[in-house]
Amino acid sequence: LLVLPVLLVPVTKALVPAVAATAVWAA
C-alpha cells in the first residue's frame, strides 16, 4: 500500500537517482 503511488515514477532529476539507489538496494 505504501509504495502504490510510486510503483512507477517519471524521469526527472530528483527521481532518477532515487530509482538507481532503490535498484541497488533491491539487487
PDB file of all heavy atoms in Angstrom:
ATOM      1  N   LEU A   1       0.822  -1.210   0.000  1.00  0.00           N
ATOM      2  CA  LEU A   1       0.000   0.000   0.000  1.00  0.00           C
ATOM      3  C   LEU A   1       0.856   1.260   0.000  1.00  0.00           C
ATOM      4  O   LEU A   1       0.575   2.219  -0.734  1.00  0.00           O
ATOM      5  CB  LEU A   1      -0.924  -0.001   1.216  1.00  0.00           C
ATOM      6  CG  LEU A   1      -2.186  -0.868   1.125  1.00  0.00           C
ATOM      7  CD1 LEU A   1      -2.791  -1.069   2.504  1.00  0.00           C
ATOM      8  CD2 LEU A   1      -3.207  -0.245   0.190  1.00  0.00           C
ATOM      9  N   LEU A   2       1.908   1.278   0.795  1.00  0.00           N
ATOM     10  CA  LEU A   2       2.727   2.483   0.915  1.00  0.00           C
ATOM     11  C   LEU A   2       3.458   2.827  -0.377  1.00  0.00           C
ATOM     12  O   LEU A   2       3.711   4.011  -0.656  1.00  0.00           O
ATOM     13  CB  LEU A   2       3.742   2.310   2.050  1.00  0.00           C
ATOM     14  CG  LEU A   2       3.157   2.214   3.471  1.00  0.00           C
ATOM     15  CD1 LEU A   2       4.257   1.982   4.487  1.00  0.00           C
ATOM     16  CD2 LEU A   2       2.366   3.470   3.826  1.00  0.00           C
ATOM     17  N   VAL A   3       3.803   1.821  -1.176  1.00  0.00           N
ATOM     18  CA  VAL A   3       4.554   2.104  -2.405  1.00  0.00           C
ATOM     19  C   VAL A   3       3.653   2.225  -3.636  1.00  0.00           C
ATOM     20  O   VAL A   3       4.165   2.474  -4.731  1.00  0.00           O
ATOM     21  CB  VAL A   3       5.632   1.026  -2.662  1.00  0.00           C
ATOM     22  CG1 VAL A   3       6.608   0.967  -1.512  1.00  0.00           C
ATOM     23  CG2 VAL A   3       5.008  -0.343  -2.926  1.00  0.00           C
ATOM     24  N   LEU A   4       2.347   2.058  -3.491  1.00  0.00           N
ATOM     25  CA  LEU A   4       1.456   2.122  -4.654  1.00  0.00           C
ATOM     26  C   LEU A   4       1.625   3.414  -5.465  1.00  0.00           C
ATOM     27  O   LEU A   4       1.730   3.353  -6.698  1.00  0.00           O
ATOM     28  CB  LEU A   4      -0.001   1.955  -4.217  1.00  0.00           C
ATOM     29  CG  LEU A   4      -0.494   0.519  -4.002  1.00  0.00           C
ATOM     30  CD1 LEU A   4      -1.937   0.513  -3.536  1.00  0.00           C
ATOM     31  CD2 LEU A   4      -0.334  -0.323  -5.247  1.00  0.00           C
ATOM     32  N   PRO A   5       1.641   4.595  -4.842  1.00  0.00           N
ATOM     33  CA  PRO A   5       1.751   5.812  -5.667  1.00  0.00           C
ATOM     34  C   PRO A   5       3.090   5.949  -6.380  1.00  0.00           C
ATOM     35  O   PRO A   5       3.195   6.724  -7.335  1.00  0.00           O
ATOM     36  CB  PRO A   5       1.568   6.945  -4.637  1.00  0.00           C
ATOM     37  CG  PRO A   5       0.899   6.312  -3.463  1.00  0.00           C
ATOM     38  CD  PRO A   5       1.436   4.924  -3.423  1.00  0.00           C
ATOM     39  N   VAL A   6       4.119   5.219  -5.951  1.00  0.00           N
ATOM     40  CA  VAL A   6       5.437   5.358  -6.566  1.00  0.00           C
ATOM     41  C   VAL A   6       5.927   4.031  -7.136  1.00  0.00           C
ATOM     42  O   VAL A   6       7.134   3.812  -7.251  1.00  0.00           O
ATOM     43  CB  VAL A   6       6.465   5.919  -5.555  1.00  0.00           C
ATOM     44  CG1 VAL A   6       6.168   7.358  -5.222  1.00  0.00           C
ATOM     45  CG2 VAL A   6       6.524   5.045  -4.293  1.00  0.00           C
ATOM     46  N   LEU A   7       5.001   3.124  -7.471  1.00  0.00           N
ATOM     47  CA  LEU A   7       5.431   1.903  -8.140  1.00  0.00           C
ATOM     48  C   LEU A   7       6.223   2.242  -9.393  1.00  0.00           C
ATOM     49  O   LEU A   7       7.210   1.585  -9.725  1.00  0.00           O
ATOM     50  CB  LEU A   7       4.209   1.048  -8.507  1.00  0.00           C
ATOM     51  CG  LEU A   7       3.511   0.288  -7.384  1.00  0.00           C
ATOM     52  CD1 LEU A   7       2.289  -0.420  -7.926  1.00  0.00           C
ATOM     53  CD2 LEU A   7       4.441  -0.693  -6.709  1.00  0.00           C
ATOM     54  N   LEU A   8       5.772   3.270 -10.093  1.00  0.00           N
ATOM     55  CA  LEU A   8       6.474   3.827 -11.243  1.00  0.00           C
ATOM     56  C   LEU A   8       6.643   5.314 -11.009  1.00  0.00           C
ATOM     57  O   LEU A   8       5.771   5.950 -10.392  1.00  0.00           O
ATOM     58  CB  LEU A   8       5.685   3.593 -12.533  1.00  0.00           C
ATOM     59  CG  LEU A   8       5.377   2.140 -12.920  1.00  0.00           C
ATOM     60  CD1 LEU A   8       4.309   2.109 -13.998  1.00  0.00           C
ATOM     61  CD2 LEU A   8       6.630   1.426 -13.379  1.00  0.00           C
ATOM     62  N   VAL A   9       7.731   5.886 -11.500  1.00  0.00           N
ATOM     63  CA  VAL A   9       7.952   7.325 -11.370  1.00  0.00           C
ATOM     64  C   VAL A   9       8.492   7.866 -12.690  1.00  0.00           C
ATOM     65  O   VAL A   9       9.143   7.136 -13.457  1.00  0.00           O
ATOM     66  CB  VAL A   9       8.939   7.652 -10.221  1.00  0.00           C
ATOM     67  CG1 VAL A   9       8.365   7.244  -8.876  1.00  0.00           C
ATOM     68  CG2 VAL A   9      10.281   6.986 -10.459  1.00  0.00           C
ATOM     69  N   PRO A  10       8.242   9.142 -12.983  1.00  0.00           N
ATOM     70  CA  PRO A  10       8.756   9.729 -14.226  1.00  0.00           C
ATOM     71  C   PRO A  10      10.259   9.991 -14.156  1.00  0.00           C
ATOM     72  O   PRO A  10      10.870   9.976 -13.080  1.00  0.00           O
ATOM     73  CB  PRO A  10       7.962  11.029 -14.344  1.00  0.00           C
ATOM     74  CG  PRO A  10       7.598  11.376 -12.944  1.00  0.00           C
ATOM     75  CD  PRO A  10       7.384  10.074 -12.237  1.00  0.00           C
ATOM     76  N   VAL A  11      10.825  10.226 -15.309  1.00  0.00           N
ATOM     77  CA  VAL A  11      12.257  10.512 -15.405  1.00  0.00           C
ATOM     78  C   VAL A  11      12.485  11.992 -15.106  1.00  0.00           C
ATOM     79  O   VAL A  11      12.173  12.864 -15.927  1.00  0.00           O
ATOM     80  CB  VAL A  11      12.800  10.156 -16.800  1.00  0.00           C
ATOM     81  CG1 VAL A  11      14.277  10.532 -16.909  1.00  0.00           C
ATOM     82  CG2 VAL A  11      12.594   8.683 -17.084  1.00  0.00           C
ATOM     83  N   THR A  12      12.997  12.288 -13.916  1.00  0.00           N
ATOM     84  CA  THR A  12      13.324  13.658 -13.518  1.00  0.00           C
ATOM     85  C   THR A  12      14.659  13.644 -12.782  1.00  0.00           C
ATOM     86  O   THR A  12      15.170  12.588 -12.382  1.00  0.00           O
ATOM     87  CB  THR A  12      12.240  14.247 -12.596  1.00  0.00           C
ATOM     88  OG1 THR A  12      12.254  13.540 -11.349  1.00  0.00           O
ATOM     89  CG2 THR A  12      10.849  14.150 -13.220  1.00  0.00           C
ATOM     90  N   LYS A  13      15.213  14.826 -12.573  1.00  0.00           N
ATOM     91  CA  LYS A  13      16.488  14.934 -11.873  1.00  0.00           C
ATOM     92  C   LYS A  13      16.393  14.431 -10.439  1.00  0.00           C
ATOM     93  O   LYS A  13      17.379  13.921  -9.886  1.00  0.00           O
ATOM     94  CB  LYS A  13      16.958  16.386 -11.884  1.00  0.00           C
ATOM     95  CG  LYS A  13      17.354  16.902 -13.267  1.00  0.00           C
ATOM     96  CD  LYS A  13      17.852  18.338 -13.186  1.00  0.00           C
ATOM     97  CE  LYS A  13      18.274  18.855 -14.568  1.00  0.00           C
ATOM     98  NZ  LYS A  13      18.767  20.255 -14.508  1.00  0.00           N
ATOM     99  N   ALA A  14      15.222  14.587  -9.837  1.00  0.00           N
ATOM    100  CA  ALA A  14      15.068  14.158  -8.447  1.00  0.00           C
ATOM    101  C   ALA A  14      14.803  12.661  -8.339  1.00  0.00           C
ATOM    102  O   ALA A  14      15.254  12.004  -7.388  1.00  0.00           O
ATOM    103  CB  ALA A  14      13.934  14.938  -7.784  1.00  0.00           C
ATOM    104  N   LEU A  15      14.068  12.099  -9.298  1.00  0.00           N
ATOM    105  CA  LEU A  15      13.603  10.727  -9.165  1.00  0.00           C
ATOM    106  C   LEU A  15      14.561   9.690  -9.743  1.00  0.00           C
ATOM    107  O   LEU A  15      14.601   8.557  -9.258  1.00  0.00           O
ATOM    108  CB  LEU A  15      12.230  10.594  -9.834  1.00  0.00           C
ATOM    109  CG  LEU A  15      11.095  11.358  -9.136  1.00  0.00           C
ATOM    110  CD1 LEU A  15       9.810  11.274  -9.933  1.00  0.00           C
ATOM    111  CD2 LEU A  15      10.876  10.801  -7.726  1.00  0.00           C
ATOM    112  N   VAL A  16      15.313  10.033 -10.764  1.00  0.00           N
ATOM    113  CA  VAL A  16      16.225   9.050 -11.355  1.00  0.00           C
ATOM    114  C   VAL A  16      17.264   8.567 -10.343  1.00  0.00           C
ATOM    115  O   VAL A  16      17.510   7.352 -10.221  1.00  0.00           O
ATOM    116  CB  VAL A  16      16.895   9.619 -12.623  1.00  0.00           C
ATOM    117  CG1 VAL A  16      18.039   8.717 -13.075  1.00  0.00           C
ATOM    118  CG2 VAL A  16      15.870   9.750 -13.736  1.00  0.00           C
ATOM    119  N   PRO A  17      17.928   9.456  -9.577  1.00  0.00           N
ATOM    120  CA  PRO A  17      18.848   8.951  -8.547  1.00  0.00           C
ATOM    121  C   PRO A  17      18.155   8.069  -7.509  1.00  0.00           C
ATOM    122  O   PRO A  17      18.744   7.101  -7.016  1.00  0.00           O
ATOM    123  CB  PRO A  17      19.397  10.227  -7.906  1.00  0.00           C
ATOM    124  CG  PRO A  17      19.218  11.286  -8.948  1.00  0.00           C
ATOM    125  CD  PRO A  17      17.963  10.933  -9.652  1.00  0.00           C
ATOM    126  N   ALA A  18      16.907   8.403  -7.187  1.00  0.00           N
ATOM    127  CA  ALA A  18      16.163   7.594  -6.224  1.00  0.00           C
ATOM    128  C   ALA A  18      15.905   6.203  -6.781  1.00  0.00           C
ATOM    129  O   ALA A  18      16.004   5.195  -6.063  1.00  0.00           O
ATOM    130  CB  ALA A  18      14.843   8.280  -5.869  1.00  0.00           C
ATOM    131  N   VAL A  19      15.569   6.118  -8.063  1.00  0.00           N
ATOM    132  CA  VAL A  19      15.357   4.822  -8.697  1.00  0.00           C
ATOM    133  C   VAL A  19      16.651   4.018  -8.711  1.00  0.00           C
ATOM    134  O   VAL A  19      16.659   2.811  -8.433  1.00  0.00           O
ATOM    135  CB  VAL A  19      14.812   5.008 -10.124  1.00  0.00           C
ATOM    136  CG1 VAL A  19      14.781   3.675 -10.864  1.00  0.00           C
ATOM    137  CG2 VAL A  19      13.419   5.621 -10.089  1.00  0.00           C
ATOM    138  N   ALA A  20      17.758   4.680  -9.033  1.00  0.00           N
ATOM    139  CA  ALA A  20      19.049   3.989  -9.069  1.00  0.00           C
ATOM    140  C   ALA A  20      19.412   3.433  -7.695  1.00  0.00           C
ATOM    141  O   ALA A  20      19.863   2.280  -7.565  1.00  0.00           O
ATOM    142  CB  ALA A  20      20.128   4.945  -9.564  1.00  0.00           C
ATOM    143  N   ALA A  21      19.210   4.221  -6.642  1.00  0.00           N
ATOM    144  CA  ALA A  21      19.525   3.760  -5.289  1.00  0.00           C
ATOM    145  C   ALA A  21      18.611   2.603  -4.880  1.00  0.00           C
ATOM    146  O   ALA A  21      19.070   1.632  -4.250  1.00  0.00           O
ATOM    147  CB  ALA A  21      19.382   4.919  -4.305  1.00  0.00           C
ATOM    148  N   THR A  22      17.349   2.683  -5.246  1.00  0.00           N
ATOM    149  CA  THR A  22      16.413   1.607  -4.928  1.00  0.00           C
ATOM    150  C   THR A  22      16.782   0.330  -5.664  1.00  0.00           C
ATOM    151  O   THR A  22      16.664  -0.776  -5.119  1.00  0.00           O
ATOM    152  CB  THR A  22      14.976   2.030  -5.284  1.00  0.00           C
ATOM    153  OG1 THR A  22      14.649   3.236  -4.588  1.00  0.00           O
ATOM    154  CG2 THR A  22      13.981   0.954  -4.898  1.00  0.00           C
ATOM    155  N   ALA A  23      17.241   0.464  -6.913  1.00  0.00           N
ATOM    156  CA  ALA A  23      17.644  -0.706  -7.683  1.00  0.00           C
ATOM    157  C   ALA A  23      18.851  -1.397  -7.049  1.00  0.00           C
ATOM    158  O   ALA A  23      18.917  -2.635  -6.996  1.00  0.00           O
ATOM    159  CB  ALA A  23      17.953  -0.298  -9.126  1.00  0.00           C
ATOM    160  N   VAL A  24      19.805  -0.604  -6.556  1.00  0.00           N
ATOM    161  CA  VAL A  24      20.972  -1.188  -5.876  1.00  0.00           C
ATOM    162  C   VAL A  24      20.526  -1.932  -4.624  1.00  0.00           C
ATOM    163  O   VAL A  24      20.974  -3.057  -4.351  1.00  0.00           O
ATOM    164  CB  VAL A  24      21.994  -0.087  -5.535  1.00  0.00           C
ATOM    165  CG1 VAL A  24      23.108  -0.637  -4.647  1.00  0.00           C
ATOM    166  CG2 VAL A  24      22.570   0.519  -6.803  1.00  0.00           C
ATOM    167  N   TRP A  25      19.648  -1.309  -3.851  1.00  0.00           N
ATOM    168  CA  TRP A  25      19.124  -1.967  -2.645  1.00  0.00           C
ATOM    169  C   TRP A  25      18.416  -3.269  -2.998  1.00  0.00           C
ATOM    170  O   TRP A  25      18.626  -4.313  -2.351  1.00  0.00           O
ATOM    171  CB  TRP A  25      18.157  -1.021  -1.930  1.00  0.00           C
ATOM    172  CG  TRP A  25      17.284  -1.728  -0.943  1.00  0.00           C
ATOM    173  CD1 TRP A  25      17.570  -2.021   0.353  1.00  0.00           C
ATOM    174  CD2 TRP A  25      15.984  -2.280  -1.188  1.00  0.00           C
ATOM    175  NE1 TRP A  25      16.538  -2.703   0.941  1.00  0.00           N
ATOM    176  CE2 TRP A  25      15.546  -2.870   0.013  1.00  0.00           C
ATOM    177  CE3 TRP A  25      15.146  -2.306  -2.300  1.00  0.00           C
ATOM    178  CZ2 TRP A  25      14.315  -3.503   0.113  1.00  0.00           C
ATOM    179  CZ3 TRP A  25      13.915  -2.934  -2.209  1.00  0.00           C
ATOM    180  CH2 TRP A  25      13.502  -3.522  -1.004  1.00  0.00           C
ATOM    181  N   ALA A  26      17.560  -3.255  -4.027  1.00  0.00           N
ATOM    182  CA  ALA A  26      16.806  -4.444  -4.411  1.00  0.00           C
ATOM    183  C   ALA A  26      17.729  -5.563  -4.863  1.00  0.00           C
ATOM    184  O   ALA A  26      17.505  -6.741  -4.540  1.00  0.00           O
ATOM    185  CB  ALA A  26      15.803  -4.097  -5.515  1.00  0.00           C
ATOM    186  N   ALA A  27      18.764  -5.213  -5.609  1.00  0.00           N
ATOM    187  CA  ALA A  27      19.701  -6.234  -6.075  1.00  0.00           C
ATOM    188  C   ALA A  27      20.422  -6.890  -4.903  1.00  0.00           C
ATOM    189  O   ALA A  27      20.615  -8.119  -4.884  1.00  0.00           O
ATOM    190  CB  ALA A  27      20.707  -5.607  -7.037  1.00  0.00           C
TER     191      ALA A  27
END
